[in-house]
Amino acid sequence: MKVTRNFQVTIPSEIRNKLNIKEGEFLDVSLDEKEEVIIARPYRRRWTTVKLNRRIDQEDIDRATKEAIDYVSLLC
């Protein structure tokens, strides 16, 4: 595998196919310093759905966002 001028690499098709990696998807890349290897794993966001049994509007979203920011600032 060759590293390009922009520090890009091409994942061989055999590995892409095995891991079902598609164009445009993200990889989680980490370093195992002990073994001196780079670890790349497909990063697939898991969406969480919450049923509210009511419609929400922008005010609801703004209020929830402010509450979350206030809560996090208390933790810091």
PDB file of N, CA and C in Angstrom:
ATOM      1  N   MET A   1       0.851  -1.155   0.000  1.00  0.00           N
ATOM      2  CA  MET A   1       0.000   0.000   0.000  1.00  0.00           C
ATOM      3  C   MET A   1       0.905   1.229   0.000  1.00  0.00           C
ATOM      4  N   LYS A   2       0.553   2.197  -0.803  1.00  0.00           N
ATOM      5  CA  LYS A   2       1.354   3.405  -0.947  1.00  0.00           C
ATOM      6  C   LYS A   2       0.620   4.591  -0.327  1.00  0.00           C
ATOM      7  N   VAL A   3       1.366   5.461   0.359  1.00  0.00           N
ATOM      8  CA  VAL A   3       0.821   6.688   0.912  1.00  0.00           C
ATOM      9  C   VAL A   3       1.068   7.793  -0.107  1.00  0.00           C
ATOM     10  N   THR A   4      -0.005   8.506  -0.505  1.00  0.00           N
ATOM     11  CA  THR A   4       0.136   9.566  -1.502  1.00  0.00           C
ATOM     12  C   THR A   4       0.680  10.850  -0.874  1.00  0.00           C
ATOM     13  N   ARG A   5       0.928  11.824  -1.716  1.00  0.00           N
ATOM     14  CA  ARG A   5       1.436  13.124  -1.280  1.00  0.00           C
ATOM     15  C   ARG A   5       0.519  13.757  -0.232  1.00  0.00           C
ATOM     16  N   ASN A   6      -0.788  13.511  -0.333  1.00  0.00           N
ATOM     17  CA  ASN A   6      -1.764  14.052   0.619  1.00  0.00           C
ATOM     18  C   ASN A   6      -2.037  13.092   1.778  1.00  0.00           C
ATOM     19  N   PHE A   7      -1.147  12.118   1.959  1.00  0.00           N
ATOM     20  CA  PHE A   7      -1.243  11.118   3.032  1.00  0.00           C
ATOM     21  C   PHE A   7      -2.516  10.279   2.939  1.00  0.00           C
ATOM     22  N   GLN A   8      -2.942   9.988   1.724  1.00  0.00           N
ATOM     23  CA  GLN A   8      -4.096   9.134   1.501  1.00  0.00           C
ATOM     24  C   GLN A   8      -3.618   7.745   1.123  1.00  0.00           C
ATOM     25  N   VAL A   9      -4.444   6.757   1.463  1.00  0.00           N
ATOM     26  CA  VAL A   9      -4.161   5.374   1.091  1.00  0.00           C
ATOM     27  C   VAL A   9      -5.413   4.780   0.459  1.00  0.00           C
ATOM     28  N   THR A  10      -5.223   3.764  -0.350  1.00  0.00           N
ATOM     29  CA  THR A  10      -6.346   3.066  -0.955  1.00  0.00           C
ATOM     30  C   THR A  10      -6.501   1.716  -0.267  1.00  0.00           C
ATOM     31  N   ILE A  11      -7.703   1.470   0.228  1.00  0.00           N
ATOM     32  CA  ILE A  11      -7.983   0.186   0.868  1.00  0.00           C
ATOM     33  C   ILE A  11      -8.255  -0.822  -0.243  1.00  0.00           C
ATOM     34  N   PRO A  12      -7.543  -1.945  -0.233  1.00  0.00           N
ATOM     35  CA  PRO A  12      -7.747  -2.949  -1.288  1.00  0.00           C
ATOM     36  C   PRO A  12      -9.212  -3.394  -1.365  1.00  0.00           C
ATOM     37  N   SER A  13      -9.681  -3.644  -2.575  1.00  0.00           N
ATOM     38  CA  SER A  13     -11.090  -4.002  -2.791  1.00  0.00           C
ATOM     39  C   SER A  13     -11.490  -5.246  -2.005  1.00  0.00           C
ATOM     40  N   GLU A  14     -10.588  -6.188  -1.857  1.00  0.00           N
ATOM     41  CA  GLU A  14     -10.890  -7.413  -1.102  1.00  0.00           C
ATOM     42  C   GLU A  14     -11.299  -7.075   0.340  1.00  0.00           C
ATOM     43  N   ILE A  15     -10.603  -6.126   0.952  1.00  0.00           N
ATOM     44  CA  ILE A  15     -10.913  -5.727   2.331  1.00  0.00           C
ATOM     45  C   ILE A  15     -12.174  -4.864   2.351  1.00  0.00           C
ATOM     46  N   ARG A  16     -12.311  -3.925   1.399  1.00  0.00           N
ATOM     47  CA  ARG A  16     -13.518  -3.089   1.335  1.00  0.00           C
ATOM     48  C   ARG A  16     -14.764  -3.951   1.197  1.00  0.00           C
ATOM     49  N   ASN A  17     -14.696  -4.942   0.340  1.00  0.00           N
ATOM     50  CA  ASN A  17     -15.851  -5.819   0.126  1.00  0.00           C
ATOM     51  C   ASN A  17     -16.169  -6.628   1.376  1.00  0.00           C
ATOM     52  N   LYS A  18     -15.144  -7.135   2.022  1.00  0.00           N
ATOM     53  CA  LYS A  18     -15.340  -7.955   3.217  1.00  0.00           C
ATOM     54  C   LYS A  18     -15.988  -7.149   4.343  1.00  0.00           C
ATOM     55  N   LEU A  19     -15.605  -5.871   4.471  1.00  0.00           N
ATOM     56  CA  LEU A  19     -16.145  -5.012   5.521  1.00  0.00           C
ATOM     57  C   LEU A  19     -17.341  -4.189   5.058  1.00  0.00           C
ATOM     58  N   ASN A  20     -17.734  -4.366   3.792  1.00  0.00           N
ATOM     59  CA  ASN A  20     -18.877  -3.660   3.217  1.00  0.00           C
ATOM     60  C   ASN A  20     -18.713  -2.142   3.323  1.00  0.00           C
ATOM     61  N   ILE A  21     -17.515  -1.654   3.025  1.00  0.00           N
ATOM     62  CA  ILE A  21     -17.217  -0.226   3.060  1.00  0.00           C
ATOM     63  C   ILE A  21     -17.585   0.373   1.701  1.00  0.00           C
ATOM     64  N   LYS A  22     -18.417   1.401   1.737  1.00  0.00           N
ATOM     65  CA  LYS A  22     -18.867   2.071   0.511  1.00  0.00           C
ATOM     66  C   LYS A  22     -18.235   3.455   0.394  1.00  0.00           C
ATOM     67  N   GLU A  23     -18.180   3.976  -0.831  1.00  0.00           N
ATOM     68  CA  GLU A  23     -17.649   5.312  -1.074  1.00  0.00           C
ATOM     69  C   GLU A  23     -18.422   6.341  -0.251  1.00  0.00           C
ATOM     70  N   GLY A  24     -17.703   7.241   0.408  1.00  0.00           N
ATOM     71  CA  GLY A  24     -18.323   8.298   1.183  1.00  0.00           C
ATOM     72  C   GLY A  24     -18.537   7.949   2.646  1.00  0.00           C
ATOM     73  N   GLU A  25     -18.375   6.683   3.013  1.00  0.00           N
ATOM     74  CA  GLU A  25     -18.534   6.293   4.408  1.00  0.00           C
ATOM     75  C   GLU A  25     -17.301   6.725   5.214  1.00  0.00           C
ATOM     76  N   PHE A  26     -17.463   6.752   6.520  1.00  0.00           N
ATOM     77  CA  PHE A  26     -16.390   7.150   7.410  1.00  0.00           C
ATOM     78  C   PHE A  26     -15.739   5.929   8.047  1.00  0.00           C
ATOM     79  N   LEU A  27     -14.459   6.092   8.392  1.00  0.00           N
ATOM     80  CA  LEU A  27     -13.726   5.061   9.120  1.00  0.00           C
ATOM     81  C   LEU A  27     -13.273   5.638  10.445  1.00  0.00           C
ATOM     82  N   ASP A  28     -13.287   4.808  11.474  1.00  0.00           N
ATOM     83  CA  ASP A  28     -12.710   5.171  12.763  1.00  0.00           C
ATOM     84  C   ASP A  28     -11.277   4.653  12.730  1.00  0.00           C
ATOM     85  N   VAL A  29     -10.303   5.557  12.796  1.00  0.00           N
ATOM     86  CA  VAL A  29      -8.897   5.179  12.675  1.00  0.00           C
ATOM     87  C   VAL A  29      -8.208   5.430  14.006  1.00  0.00           C
ATOM     88  N   SER A  30      -7.497   4.417  14.507  1.00  0.00           N
ATOM     89  CA  SER A  30      -6.771   4.566  15.766  1.00  0.00           C
ATOM     90  C   SER A  30      -5.401   3.918  15.634  1.00  0.00           C
ATOM     91  N   LEU A  31      -4.581   4.153  16.636  1.00  0.00           N
ATOM     92  CA  LEU A  31      -3.217   3.649  16.632  1.00  0.00           C
ATOM     93  C   LEU A  31      -3.010   2.746  17.831  1.00  0.00           C
ATOM     94  N   ASP A  32      -2.512   1.556  17.592  1.00  0.00           N
ATOM     95  CA  ASP A  32      -2.090   0.660  18.669  1.00  0.00           C
ATOM     96  C   ASP A  32      -0.582   0.862  18.811  1.00  0.00           C
ATOM     97  N   GLU A  33      -0.202   1.708  19.786  1.00  0.00           N
ATOM     98  CA  GLU A  33       1.209   2.062  19.929  1.00  0.00           C
ATOM     99  C   GLU A  33       2.064   0.866  20.334  1.00  0.00           C
ATOM    100  N   LYS A  34       1.498  -0.020  21.116  1.00  0.00           N
ATOM    101  CA  LYS A  34       2.260  -1.191  21.562  1.00  0.00           C
ATOM    102  C   LYS A  34       2.644  -2.080  20.381  1.00  0.00           C
ATOM    103  N   GLU A  35       1.684  -2.330  19.516  1.00  0.00           N
ATOM    104  CA  GLU A  35       1.910  -3.197  18.359  1.00  0.00           C
ATOM    105  C   GLU A  35       2.407  -2.417  17.140  1.00  0.00           C
ATOM    106  N   GLU A  36       2.369  -1.068  17.240  1.00  0.00           N
ATOM    107  CA  GLU A  36       2.760  -0.188  16.142  1.00  0.00           C
ATOM    108  C   GLU A  36       1.977  -0.481  14.863  1.00  0.00           C
ATOM    109  N   VAL A  37       0.644  -0.529  15.022  1.00  0.00           N
ATOM    110  CA  VAL A  37      -0.232  -0.761  13.872  1.00  0.00           C
ATOM    111  C   VAL A  37      -1.352   0.267  13.875  1.00  0.00           C
ATOM    112  N   ILE A  38      -1.836   0.586  12.688  1.00  0.00           N
ATOM    113  CA  ILE A  38      -2.990   1.454  12.516  1.00  0.00           C
ATOM    114  C   ILE A  38      -4.213   0.561  12.398  1.00  0.00           C
ATOM    115  N   ILE A  39      -5.260   0.911  13.122  1.00  0.00           N
ATOM    116  CA  ILE A  39      -6.499   0.132  13.103  1.00  0.00           C
ATOM    117  C   ILE A  39      -7.581   1.001  12.472  1.00  0.00           C
ATOM    118  N   ALA A  40      -8.201   0.505  11.427  1.00  0.00           N
ATOM    119  CA  ALA A  40      -9.284   1.231  10.758  1.00  0.00           C
ATOM    120  C   ALA A  40     -10.537   0.367  10.794  1.00  0.00           C
ATOM    121  N   ARG A  41     -11.612   0.949  11.321  1.00  0.00           N
ATOM    122  CA  ARG A  41     -12.883   0.237  11.421  1.00  0.00           C
ATOM    123  C   ARG A  41     -13.970   1.079  10.767  1.00  0.00           C
ATOM    124  N   PRO A  42     -14.929   0.441  10.104  1.00  0.00           N
ATOM    125  CA  PRO A  42     -16.051   1.209   9.565  1.00  0.00           C
ATOM    126  C   PRO A  42     -16.770   1.912  10.715  1.00  0.00           C
ATOM    127  N   TYR A  43     -17.098   3.181  10.514  1.00  0.00           N
ATOM    128  CA  TYR A  43     -17.827   3.956  11.510  1.00  0.00           C
ATOM    129  C   TYR A  43     -19.244   4.102  11.010  1.00  0.00           C
ATOM    130  N   ARG A  44     -20.140   3.456  11.687  1.00  0.00           N
ATOM    131  CA  ARG A  44     -21.543   3.520  11.288  1.00  0.00           C
ATOM    132  C   ARG A  44     -22.340   4.116  12.424  1.00  0.00           C
ATOM    133  N   ARG A  45     -22.841   5.320  12.180  1.00  0.00           N
ATOM    134  CA  ARG A  45     -23.603   6.030  13.201  1.00  0.00           C
ATOM    135  C   ARG A  45     -24.886   5.268  13.484  1.00  0.00           C
ATOM    136  N   ARG A  46     -25.155   5.123  14.741  1.00  0.00           N
ATOM    137  CA  ARG A  46     -26.401   4.474  15.154  1.00  0.00           C
ATOM    138  C   ARG A  46     -27.368   5.564  15.585  1.00  0.00           C
ATOM    139  N   TRP A  47     -28.495   5.637  14.906  1.00  0.00           N
ATOM    140  CA  TRP A  47     -29.484   6.655  15.215  1.00  0.00           C
ATOM    141  C   TRP A  47     -30.393   6.162  16.322  1.00  0.00           C
ATOM    142  N   THR A  48     -30.708   7.038  17.218  1.00  0.00           N
ATOM    143  CA  THR A  48     -31.645   6.723  18.298  1.00  0.00           C
ATOM    144  C   THR A  48     -32.938   7.456  18.008  1.00  0.00           C
ATOM    145  N   THR A  49     -34.015   6.750  18.107  1.00  0.00           N
ATOM    146  CA  THR A  49     -35.324   7.334  17.856  1.00  0.00           C
ATOM    147  C   THR A  49     -36.119   7.343  19.149  1.00  0.00           C
ATOM    148  N   VAL A  50     -36.734   8.465  19.424  1.00  0.00           N
ATOM    149  CA  VAL A  50     -37.574   8.596  20.605  1.00  0.00           C
ATOM    150  C   VAL A  50     -38.961   9.002  20.140  1.00  0.00           C
ATOM    151  N   LYS A  51     -39.958   8.274  20.598  1.00  0.00           N
ATOM    152  CA  LYS A  51     -41.323   8.613  20.238  1.00  0.00           C
ATOM    153  C   LYS A  51     -41.892   9.523  21.319  1.00  0.00           C
ATOM    154  N   LEU A  52     -42.305  10.727  20.947  1.00  0.00           N
ATOM    155  CA  LEU A  52     -42.787  11.711  21.899  1.00  0.00           C
ATOM    156  C   LEU A  52     -44.305  11.733  22.022  1.00  0.00           C
ATOM    157  N   ASN A  53     -44.995  11.108  21.121  1.00  0.00           N
ATOM    158  CA  ASN A  53     -46.460  11.120  21.080  1.00  0.00           C
ATOM    159  C   ASN A  53     -47.030  12.523  20.905  1.00  0.00           C
ATOM    160  N   ARG A  54     -46.188  13.439  20.395  1.00  0.00           N
ATOM    161  CA  ARG A  54     -46.664  14.783  20.070  1.00  0.00           C
ATOM    162  C   ARG A  54     -45.691  15.397  19.079  1.00  0.00           C
ATOM    163  N   ARG A  55     -46.142  16.409  18.399  1.00  0.00           N
ATOM    164  CA  ARG A  55     -45.279  17.111  17.453  1.00  0.00           C
ATOM    165  C   ARG A  55     -44.428  18.112  18.225  1.00  0.00           C
ATOM    166  N   ILE A  56     -43.203  18.327  17.755  1.00  0.00           N
ATOM    167  CA  ILE A  56     -42.348  19.331  18.381  1.00  0.00           C
ATOM    168  C   ILE A  56     -42.067  20.440  17.383  1.00  0.00           C
ATOM    169  N   ASP A  57     -41.830  21.621  17.899  1.00  0.00           N
ATOM    170  CA  ASP A  57     -41.526  22.753  17.019  1.00  0.00           C
ATOM    171  C   ASP A  57     -40.139  23.292  17.356  1.00  0.00           C
ATOM    172  N   GLN A  58     -39.737  24.350  16.685  1.00  0.00           N
ATOM    173  CA  GLN A  58     -38.400  24.908  16.870  1.00  0.00           C
ATOM    174  C   GLN A  58     -38.184  25.391  18.299  1.00  0.00           C
ATOM    175  N   GLU A  59     -39.240  25.929  18.934  1.00  0.00           N
ATOM    176  CA  GLU A  59     -39.118  26.382  20.328  1.00  0.00           C
ATOM    177  C   GLU A  59     -38.781  25.214  21.245  1.00  0.00           C
ATOM    178  N   ASP A  60     -39.401  24.072  21.015  1.00  0.00           N
ATOM    179  CA  ASP A  60     -39.104  22.877  21.817  1.00  0.00           C
ATOM    180  C   ASP A  60     -37.643  22.473  21.643  1.00  0.00           C
ATOM    181  N   ILE A  61     -37.172  22.513  20.401  1.00  0.00           N
ATOM    182  CA  ILE A  61     -35.787  22.137  20.120  1.00  0.00           C
ATOM    183  C   ILE A  61     -34.826  23.122  20.775  1.00  0.00           C
ATOM    184  N   ASP A  62     -35.109  24.420  20.653  1.00  0.00           N
ATOM    185  CA  ASP A  62     -34.254  25.446  21.264  1.00  0.00           C
ATOM    186  C   ASP A  62     -34.212  25.288  22.782  1.00  0.00           C
ATOM    187  N   ARG A  63     -35.359  25.043  23.404  1.00  0.00           N
ATOM    188  CA  ARG A  63     -35.429  24.870  24.853  1.00  0.00           C
ATOM    189  C   ARG A  63     -34.618  23.653  25.292  1.00  0.00           C
ATOM    190  N   ALA A  64     -34.776  22.546  24.593  1.00  0.00           N
ATOM    191  CA  ALA A  64     -34.037  21.329  24.941  1.00  0.00           C
ATOM    192  C   ALA A  64     -32.539  21.519  24.744  1.00  0.00           C
ATOM    193  N   THR A  65     -32.159  22.226  23.693  1.00  0.00           N
ATOM    194  CA  THR A  65     -30.741  22.492  23.444  1.00  0.00           C
ATOM    195  C   THR A  65     -30.154  23.332  24.566  1.00  0.00           C
ATOM    196  N   LYS A  66     -30.862  24.384  24.985  1.00  0.00           N
ATOM    197  CA  LYS A  66     -30.384  25.245  26.064  1.00  0.00           C
ATOM    198  C   LYS A  66     -30.259  24.449  27.361  1.00  0.00           C
ATOM    199  N   GLU A  67     -31.249  23.623  27.659  1.00  0.00           N
ATOM    200  CA  GLU A  67     -31.186  22.802  28.879  1.00  0.00           C
ATOM    201  C   GLU A  67     -29.986  21.867  28.848  1.00  0.00           C
ATOM    202  N   ALA A  68     -29.709  21.279  27.688  1.00  0.00           N
ATOM    203  CA  ALA A  68     -28.574  20.365  27.566  1.00  0.00           C
ATOM    204  C   ALA A  68     -27.251  21.114  27.759  1.00  0.00           C
ATOM    205  N   ILE A  69     -27.147  22.315  27.171  1.00  0.00           N
ATOM    206  CA  ILE A  69     -25.923  23.108  27.314  1.00  0.00           C
ATOM    207  C   ILE A  69     -25.738  23.527  28.773  1.00  0.00           C
ATOM    208  N   ASP A  70     -26.821  23.970  29.415  1.00  0.00           N
ATOM    209  CA  ASP A  70     -26.740  24.358  30.827  1.00  0.00           C
ATOM    210  C   ASP A  70     -26.316  23.177  31.697  1.00  0.00           C
ATOM    211  N   TYR A  71     -26.858  21.997  31.411  1.00  0.00           N
ATOM    212  CA  TYR A  71     -26.515  20.803  32.174  1.00  0.00           C
ATOM    213  C   TYR A  71     -25.051  20.445  32.018  1.00  0.00           C
ATOM    214  N   VAL A  72     -24.565  20.471  30.792  1.00  0.00           N
ATOM    215  CA  VAL A  72     -23.156  20.130  30.528  1.00  0.00           C
ATOM    216  C   VAL A  72     -22.239  21.134  31.203  1.00  0.00           C
ATOM    217  N   SER A  73     -22.610  22.419  31.186  1.00  0.00           N
ATOM    218  CA  SER A  73     -21.761  23.434  31.818  1.00  0.00           C
ATOM    219  C   SER A  73     -21.684  23.231  33.318  1.00  0.00           C
ATOM    220  N   LEU A  74     -22.716  22.665  33.938  1.00  0.00           N
ATOM    221  CA  LEU A  74     -22.666  22.355  35.370  1.00  0.00           C
ATOM    222  C   LEU A  74     -21.680  21.229  35.662  1.00  0.00           C
ATOM    223  N   LEU A  75     -21.524  20.319  34.720  1.00  0.00           N
ATOM    224  CA  LEU A  75     -20.624  19.174  34.903  1.00  0.00           C
ATOM    225  C   LEU A  75     -19.162  19.562  34.787  1.00  0.00           C
ATOM    226  N   CYS A  76     -18.882  20.640  34.050  1.00  0.00           N
ATOM    227  CA  CYS A  76     -17.485  21.033  33.808  1.00  0.00           C
ATOM    228  C   CYS A  76     -16.894  21.828  34.931  1.00  0.00           C
TER     229      CYS A  76
END
